[in-house]
Amino acid sequence: MLGQPKEQRVGVFVDVQNMYYSAKHLYKAKVNFNEILKTAVGGRKLVRAIAYVIKADVMAEQSFFDALAKIGYEVKSKDLQVFYGGHKKGDWDIGIAMDAIELAPRLDTIVIVTGDGDFVPLAEHLKRAMGCRVEVVAFGKSASGKLIEEVDSFVDLDENPKKYLIIKN
């Protein structure tokens, strides 16, 4: 995000599940959410950084949520839904979209940290109707091509994975 005016007001919206599974499947590693936040803000004025998480009653989960808060994220969580037959669902797509739209009047730039193509209509709306610059930070190998095309700027985490991953030894 180099070369952006420092006075830009930025909101960062992180789809934690998308980033977690991308890093796990592509690199067998965990995401360094601290470095992602620094890159997303890029020296501009951070207004809000929200990390959207799914609670699955896993042991280390709360310490992870606490670590996100300590870095500077507001953590929003919801329970994993388990349906009859064992099907599980947990996503924040509508919640992220609603928050981005509601906060857009107070932001110049909205950074969505996800590669999920479901966010294409959100990016279109934020640009056209809300007048915001829209940026995406994600792993390019698992990011939607349509999403990358739609946004004003795309940061491909695959270009410097060591910076954005925590690799288990």
C-alpha atoms as a PDB file:
ATOM      1  CA  MET A   1       0.000   0.000   0.000  1.00  0.00           C
ATOM      2  CA  LEU A   2       2.927   2.300  -0.603  1.00  0.00           C
ATOM      3  CA  GLY A   3       2.374   5.817  -1.840  1.00  0.00           C
ATOM      4  CA  GLN A   4      -1.023   6.315  -0.197  1.00  0.00           C
ATOM      5  CA  PRO A   5      -1.767   9.659   1.490  1.00  0.00           C
ATOM      6  CA  LYS A   6      -1.059   9.447   5.235  1.00  0.00           C
ATOM      7  CA  GLU A   7      -4.287  11.324   6.051  1.00  0.00           C
ATOM      8  CA  GLN A   8      -6.488   8.588   4.522  1.00  0.00           C
ATOM      9  CA  ARG A   9      -8.881   7.106   7.073  1.00  0.00           C
ATOM     10  CA  VAL A  10      -8.678   3.322   6.860  1.00  0.00           C
ATOM     11  CA  GLY A  11     -10.913   0.509   8.052  1.00  0.00           C
ATOM     12  CA  VAL A  12      -9.596  -3.065   8.020  1.00  0.00           C
ATOM     13  CA  PHE A  13     -12.033  -5.993   7.931  1.00  0.00           C
ATOM     14  CA  VAL A  14     -10.451  -9.438   8.377  1.00  0.00           C
ATOM     15  CA  ASP A  15     -12.143 -12.693   7.379  1.00  0.00           C
ATOM     16  CA  VAL A  16     -10.106 -14.785   9.834  1.00  0.00           C
ATOM     17  CA  GLN A  17     -11.493 -18.144   8.680  1.00  0.00           C
ATOM     18  CA  ASN A  18     -10.569 -17.469   5.045  1.00  0.00           C
ATOM     19  CA  MET A  19      -7.052 -16.410   5.964  1.00  0.00           C
ATOM     20  CA  TYR A  20      -6.570 -19.298   8.419  1.00  0.00           C
ATOM     21  CA  TYR A  21      -7.566 -21.975   5.912  1.00  0.00           C
ATOM     22  CA  SER A  22      -5.619 -20.376   3.048  1.00  0.00           C
ATOM     23  CA  ALA A  23      -2.411 -20.357   5.115  1.00  0.00           C
ATOM     24  CA  LYS A  24      -3.058 -23.857   6.417  1.00  0.00           C
ATOM     25  CA  HIS A  25      -3.710 -25.405   2.988  1.00  0.00           C
ATOM     26  CA  LEU A  26      -1.117 -23.439   0.998  1.00  0.00           C
ATOM     27  CA  TYR A  27       1.740 -23.379   3.504  1.00  0.00           C
ATOM     28  CA  LYS A  28       0.806 -25.591   6.486  1.00  0.00           C
ATOM     29  CA  ALA A  29       1.364 -22.465   8.580  1.00  0.00           C
ATOM     30  CA  LYS A  30      -0.510 -19.873  10.607  1.00  0.00           C
ATOM     31  CA  VAL A  31      -1.170 -16.259   9.666  1.00  0.00           C
ATOM     32  CA  ASN A  32       0.806 -13.399  11.175  1.00  0.00           C
ATOM     33  CA  PHE A  33      -2.157 -11.062  11.699  1.00  0.00           C
ATOM     34  CA  ASN A  34       0.100  -8.372  13.181  1.00  0.00           C
ATOM     35  CA  GLU A  35       2.074  -8.019   9.928  1.00  0.00           C
ATOM     36  CA  ILE A  36      -1.141  -8.098   7.908  1.00  0.00           C
ATOM     37  CA  LEU A  37      -2.538  -5.194   9.927  1.00  0.00           C
ATOM     38  CA  LYS A  38       0.643  -3.148   9.453  1.00  0.00           C
ATOM     39  CA  THR A  39       0.574  -3.766   5.701  1.00  0.00           C
ATOM     40  CA  ALA A  40      -3.154  -3.048   5.403  1.00  0.00           C
ATOM     41  CA  VAL A  41      -2.861   0.277   7.235  1.00  0.00           C
ATOM     42  CA  GLY A  42       0.331   1.240   5.413  1.00  0.00           C
ATOM     43  CA  GLY A  43       1.102   4.242   7.617  1.00  0.00           C
ATOM     44  CA  ARG A  44      -2.340   5.764   7.149  1.00  0.00           C
ATOM     45  CA  LYS A  45      -4.834   6.661   9.878  1.00  0.00           C
ATOM     46  CA  LEU A  46      -6.480   3.518  11.234  1.00  0.00           C
ATOM     47  CA  VAL A  47     -10.092   4.129  12.255  1.00  0.00           C
ATOM     48  CA  ARG A  48     -11.161   0.520  12.925  1.00  0.00           C
ATOM     49  CA  ALA A  49      -9.646  -2.932  12.513  1.00  0.00           C
ATOM     50  CA  ILE A  50     -12.130  -5.746  13.002  1.00  0.00           C
ATOM     51  CA  ALA A  51     -11.283  -9.452  13.008  1.00  0.00           C
ATOM     52  CA  TYR A  52     -14.257 -11.753  12.460  1.00  0.00           C
ATOM     53  CA  VAL A  53     -13.841 -15.165  14.113  1.00  0.00           C
ATOM     54  CA  ILE A  54     -15.852 -18.342  14.533  1.00  0.00           C
ATOM     55  CA  LYS A  55     -15.938 -20.005  17.948  1.00  0.00           C
ATOM     56  CA  ALA A  56     -15.566 -23.760  17.638  1.00  0.00           C
ATOM     57  CA  ASP A  57     -14.776 -24.606  21.286  1.00  0.00           C
ATOM     58  CA  VAL A  58     -11.151 -25.418  20.567  1.00  0.00           C
ATOM     59  CA  MET A  59      -8.682 -25.211  23.467  1.00  0.00           C
ATOM     60  CA  ALA A  60      -6.301 -22.513  22.159  1.00  0.00           C
ATOM     61  CA  GLU A  61      -9.095 -20.452  20.654  1.00  0.00           C
ATOM     62  CA  GLN A  62      -9.526 -17.864  23.430  1.00  0.00           C
ATOM     63  CA  SER A  63      -5.804 -17.151  23.653  1.00  0.00           C
ATOM     64  CA  PHE A  64      -5.801 -16.567  19.874  1.00  0.00           C
ATOM     65  CA  PHE A  65      -8.760 -14.160  20.173  1.00  0.00           C
ATOM     66  CA  ASP A  66      -6.977 -12.355  23.031  1.00  0.00           C
ATOM     67  CA  ALA A  67      -3.808 -12.071  20.916  1.00  0.00           C
ATOM     68  CA  LEU A  68      -5.814 -10.476  18.085  1.00  0.00           C
ATOM     69  CA  ALA A  69      -7.241  -7.930  20.539  1.00  0.00           C
ATOM     70  CA  LYS A  70      -3.772  -7.172  21.925  1.00  0.00           C
ATOM     71  CA  ILE A  71      -2.480  -6.447  18.387  1.00  0.00           C
ATOM     72  CA  GLY A  72      -5.247  -3.870  17.945  1.00  0.00           C
ATOM     73  CA  TYR A  73      -8.160  -5.721  16.388  1.00  0.00           C
ATOM     74  CA  GLU A  74     -11.707  -5.476  17.624  1.00  0.00           C
ATOM     75  CA  VAL A  75     -12.723  -9.141  17.708  1.00  0.00           C
ATOM     76  CA  LYS A  76     -16.243 -10.114  16.684  1.00  0.00           C
ATOM     77  CA  SER A  77     -17.153 -13.739  17.213  1.00  0.00           C
ATOM     78  CA  LYS A  78     -20.022 -16.068  16.534  1.00  0.00           C
ATOM     79  CA  ASP A  79     -20.563 -19.730  17.261  1.00  0.00           C
ATOM     80  CA  LEU A  80     -19.974 -22.423  14.661  1.00  0.00           C
ATOM     81  CA  GLN A  81     -23.353 -23.682  13.476  1.00  0.00           C
ATOM     82  CA  VAL A  82     -23.782 -27.459  13.465  1.00  0.00           C
ATOM     83  CA  PHE A  83     -26.749 -28.737  11.472  1.00  0.00           C
ATOM     84  CA  TYR A  84     -28.645 -31.998  11.585  1.00  0.00           C
ATOM     85  CA  GLY A  85     -26.485 -34.621   9.902  1.00  0.00           C
ATOM     86  CA  GLY A  86     -23.239 -33.002  11.066  1.00  0.00           C
ATOM     87  CA  HIS A  87     -22.886 -30.268   8.427  1.00  0.00           C
ATOM     88  CA  LYS A  88     -21.032 -27.281   9.882  1.00  0.00           C
ATOM     89  CA  LYS A  89     -21.144 -23.663   8.814  1.00  0.00           C
ATOM     90  CA  GLY A  90     -19.422 -20.578  10.079  1.00  0.00           C
ATOM     91  CA  ASP A  91     -18.934 -17.435   8.088  1.00  0.00           C
ATOM     92  CA  TRP A  92     -19.166 -13.717   8.570  1.00  0.00           C
ATOM     93  CA  ASP A  93     -19.789 -12.576   4.988  1.00  0.00           C
ATOM     94  CA  ILE A  94     -22.969 -10.616   5.743  1.00  0.00           C
ATOM     95  CA  GLY A  95     -21.560  -9.246   9.014  1.00  0.00           C
ATOM     96  CA  ILE A  96     -18.402  -8.014   7.313  1.00  0.00           C
ATOM     97  CA  ALA A  97     -20.435  -6.461   4.493  1.00  0.00           C
ATOM     98  CA  MET A  98     -22.814  -4.704   6.900  1.00  0.00           C
ATOM     99  CA  ASP A  99     -19.998  -3.307   9.034  1.00  0.00           C
ATOM    100  CA  ALA A 100     -18.064  -2.098   5.972  1.00  0.00           C
ATOM    101  CA  ILE A 101     -21.149  -0.357   4.555  1.00  0.00           C
ATOM    102  CA  GLU A 102     -22.063   1.198   7.919  1.00  0.00           C
ATOM    103  CA  LEU A 103     -18.519   2.478   8.519  1.00  0.00           C
ATOM    104  CA  ALA A 104     -17.877   3.588   4.905  1.00  0.00           C
ATOM    105  CA  PRO A 105     -19.085   7.189   5.427  1.00  0.00           C
ATOM    106  CA  ARG A 106     -16.274   7.648   7.997  1.00  0.00           C
ATOM    107  CA  LEU A 107     -13.589   5.973   5.878  1.00  0.00           C
ATOM    108  CA  ASP A 108     -11.619   6.851   2.766  1.00  0.00           C
ATOM    109  CA  THR A 109     -10.252   3.345   2.243  1.00  0.00           C
ATOM    110  CA  ILE A 110     -11.680  -0.026   3.140  1.00  0.00           C
ATOM    111  CA  VAL A 111      -9.276  -2.947   3.301  1.00  0.00           C
ATOM    112  CA  ILE A 112     -10.871  -6.374   3.136  1.00  0.00           C
ATOM    113  CA  VAL A 113      -8.529  -9.148   4.223  1.00  0.00           C
ATOM    114  CA  THR A 114      -9.883 -12.178   2.356  1.00  0.00           C
ATOM    115  CA  GLY A 115      -9.681 -13.895  -0.983  1.00  0.00           C
ATOM    116  CA  ASP A 116     -13.373 -14.837  -0.972  1.00  0.00           C
ATOM    117  CA  GLY A 117     -15.107 -13.979  -4.238  1.00  0.00           C
ATOM    118  CA  ASP A 118     -18.391 -13.486  -2.374  1.00  0.00           C
ATOM    119  CA  PHE A 119     -17.078  -9.999  -1.550  1.00  0.00           C
ATOM    120  CA  VAL A 120     -17.106  -8.795  -5.184  1.00  0.00           C
ATOM    121  CA  PRO A 121     -20.565  -7.155  -4.864  1.00  0.00           C
ATOM    122  CA  LEU A 122     -19.438  -5.466  -1.627  1.00  0.00           C
ATOM    123  CA  ALA A 123     -16.339  -4.045  -3.320  1.00  0.00           C
ATOM    124  CA  GLU A 124     -18.460  -2.785  -6.223  1.00  0.00           C
ATOM    125  CA  HIS A 125     -20.942  -1.127  -3.857  1.00  0.00           C
ATOM    126  CA  LEU A 126     -18.288   0.485  -1.655  1.00  0.00           C
ATOM    127  CA  LYS A 127     -16.593   2.001  -4.704  1.00  0.00           C
ATOM    128  CA  ARG A 128     -19.683   3.133  -6.656  1.00  0.00           C
ATOM    129  CA  ALA A 129     -22.236   4.035  -4.016  1.00  0.00           C
ATOM    130  CA  MET A 130     -20.016   4.943  -1.068  1.00  0.00           C
ATOM    131  CA  GLY A 131     -17.077   6.517  -2.904  1.00  0.00           C
ATOM    132  CA  CYS A 132     -14.460   4.535  -1.000  1.00  0.00           C
ATOM    133  CA  ARG A 133     -11.182   3.156  -2.229  1.00  0.00           C
ATOM    134  CA  VAL A 134     -11.290  -0.628  -1.781  1.00  0.00           C
ATOM    135  CA  GLU A 135      -8.194  -2.738  -1.225  1.00  0.00           C
ATOM    136  CA  VAL A 136      -7.796  -6.471  -0.669  1.00  0.00           C
ATOM    137  CA  VAL A 137      -5.036  -8.290   1.179  1.00  0.00           C
ATOM    138  CA  ALA A 138      -4.976 -12.057   0.600  1.00  0.00           C
ATOM    139  CA  PHE A 139      -3.001 -15.047  -0.620  1.00  0.00           C
ATOM    140  CA  GLY A 140      -3.126 -14.680  -4.392  1.00  0.00           C
ATOM    141  CA  LYS A 141      -3.028 -18.450  -4.994  1.00  0.00           C
ATOM    142  CA  SER A 142      -6.374 -18.849  -3.233  1.00  0.00           C
ATOM    143  CA  ALA A 143      -7.953 -15.458  -3.994  1.00  0.00           C
ATOM    144  CA  SER A 144     -10.822 -14.905  -6.392  1.00  0.00           C
ATOM    145  CA  GLY A 145      -9.670 -13.431  -9.687  1.00  0.00           C
ATOM    146  CA  LYS A 146     -12.917 -11.442  -9.937  1.00  0.00           C
ATOM    147  CA  LEU A 147     -12.279  -9.903  -6.516  1.00  0.00           C
ATOM    148  CA  ILE A 148      -8.722  -8.944  -7.470  1.00  0.00           C
ATOM    149  CA  GLU A 149     -10.001  -7.337 -10.693  1.00  0.00           C
ATOM    150  CA  GLU A 150     -12.694  -5.343  -8.892  1.00  0.00           C
ATOM    151  CA  VAL A 151     -10.601  -3.675  -6.194  1.00  0.00           C
ATOM    152  CA  ASP A 152      -8.392  -0.602  -6.452  1.00  0.00           C
ATOM    153  CA  SER A 153      -5.367  -2.380  -4.994  1.00  0.00           C
ATOM    154  CA  PHE A 154      -4.406  -5.968  -4.195  1.00  0.00           C
ATOM    155  CA  VAL A 155      -1.613  -7.086  -1.868  1.00  0.00           C
ATOM    156  CA  ASP A 156      -0.593 -10.661  -2.641  1.00  0.00           C
ATOM    157  CA  LEU A 157       0.704 -12.253   0.551  1.00  0.00           C
ATOM    158  CA  ASP A 158       2.211 -15.042  -1.557  1.00  0.00           C
ATOM    159  CA  GLU A 159       4.871 -12.571  -2.719  1.00  0.00           C
ATOM    160  CA  ASN A 160       6.438 -12.536   0.758  1.00  0.00           C
ATOM    161  CA  PRO A 161       5.065 -15.513   2.697  1.00  0.00           C
ATOM    162  CA  LYS A 162       7.791 -15.453   5.370  1.00  0.00           C
ATOM    163  CA  LYS A 163       6.605 -12.002   6.435  1.00  0.00           C
ATOM    164  CA  TYR A 164       2.949 -12.959   6.729  1.00  0.00           C
ATOM    165  CA  LEU A 165       3.162 -16.506   8.085  1.00  0.00           C
ATOM    166  CA  ILE A 166       4.097 -18.127  11.357  1.00  0.00           C
ATOM    167  CA  ILE A 167       5.738 -21.392  10.353  1.00  0.00           C
ATOM    168  CA  LYS A 168       5.689 -24.243  12.849  1.00  0.00           C
ATOM    169  CA  ASN A 169       9.089 -25.741  13.542  1.00  0.00           C
END
